[in-house]
Amino acid sequence: MNSIFKKWVKKEAFSRTDEFSAKMIIQSIVDERGTSPYIGNVAAVGWYLGRLEGISKVKEGIYKVKV
């Protein structure tokens, strides 16, 4: 996962108001920008979401933006 994809993940995650999963983030990025060999997988996105400040893990695989 490169820095451009990380930027897309961060932007997409912070634009959400409800709970979301890494798969939902990847799906919206692919819908918006198309596929690319640099797009990470669900595990990589979940790992990155777990390390972002302002994102809390609700339960296994489900995240929410802290208010």
Protein backbone atom coordinates (compact mmCIF):
# COMPACT_ATOMS: atom_id res chain seq x y z
CA MET A 1 0.00 0.00 0.00
CA ASN A 2 1.58 3.27 -1.08
CA SER A 3 1.16 6.79 0.31
CA ILE A 4 -1.38 7.82 -2.32
CA PHE A 5 -3.64 4.92 -1.42
CA LYS A 6 -3.22 5.73 2.28
CA LYS A 7 -4.39 9.28 1.52
CA TRP A 8 -7.48 7.90 -0.28
CA VAL A 9 -8.26 5.57 2.64
CA LYS A 10 -7.93 8.38 5.18
CA LYS A 11 -10.14 10.72 3.12
CA GLU A 12 -12.80 8.05 2.63
CA ALA A 13 -12.75 6.97 6.29
CA PHE A 14 -13.19 10.48 7.66
CA SER A 15 -16.03 11.20 5.23
CA ARG A 16 -18.12 8.41 6.81
CA THR A 17 -20.72 9.18 9.47
CA ASP A 18 -21.81 5.64 10.33
CA GLU A 19 -19.85 2.51 11.18
CA PHE A 20 -17.85 1.05 8.31
CA SER A 21 -15.52 -1.80 7.44
CA ALA A 22 -12.28 -1.94 5.49
CA LYS A 23 -14.10 -3.72 2.67
CA MET A 24 -16.56 -0.81 2.38
CA ILE A 25 -13.64 1.63 2.13
CA ILE A 26 -11.95 -0.37 -0.63
CA GLN A 27 -15.21 -0.75 -2.53
CA SER A 28 -15.90 2.99 -2.53
CA ILE A 29 -12.32 3.76 -3.64
CA VAL A 30 -12.55 1.24 -6.50
CA ASP A 31 -15.96 2.61 -7.52
CA GLU A 32 -14.59 6.17 -7.56
CA ARG A 33 -11.10 5.65 -9.00
CA GLY A 34 -11.04 2.20 -10.59
CA THR A 35 -8.63 -0.62 -9.94
CA SER A 36 -4.88 -0.33 -9.63
CA PRO A 37 -2.04 -2.70 -8.74
CA TYR A 38 -1.18 -0.35 -5.87
CA ILE A 39 -4.50 -0.75 -4.05
CA GLY A 40 -4.00 -2.71 -0.86
CA ASN A 41 -6.15 -5.56 0.37
CA VAL A 42 -8.71 -5.58 3.18
CA ALA A 43 -6.14 -6.65 5.78
CA ALA A 44 -3.82 -3.76 4.88
CA VAL A 45 -6.66 -1.23 5.04
CA GLY A 46 -7.81 -2.62 8.40
CA TRP A 47 -4.25 -2.38 9.72
CA TYR A 48 -4.02 1.25 8.57
CA LEU A 49 -7.44 2.18 9.99
CA GLY A 50 -6.41 0.78 13.36
CA ARG A 51 -3.45 3.16 13.46
CA LEU A 52 -5.22 6.35 12.40
CA GLU A 53 -5.97 8.87 15.11
CA GLY A 54 -9.64 9.75 15.14
CA ILE A 55 -10.79 6.28 14.11
CA SER A 56 -11.96 3.87 16.78
CA LYS A 57 -12.51 0.14 16.43
CA VAL A 58 -16.07 -0.76 17.44
CA LYS A 59 -15.62 -4.51 17.09
CA GLU A 60 -13.62 -6.90 14.92
CA GLY A 61 -13.50 -5.37 11.44
CA ILE A 62 -15.88 -2.50 12.20
CA TYR A 63 -14.65 1.08 12.65
CA LYS A 64 -16.16 4.46 13.46
CA VAL A 65 -14.91 8.04 13.35
CA LYS A 66 -14.46 9.46 16.85
CA VAL A 67 -16.60 12.50 17.53
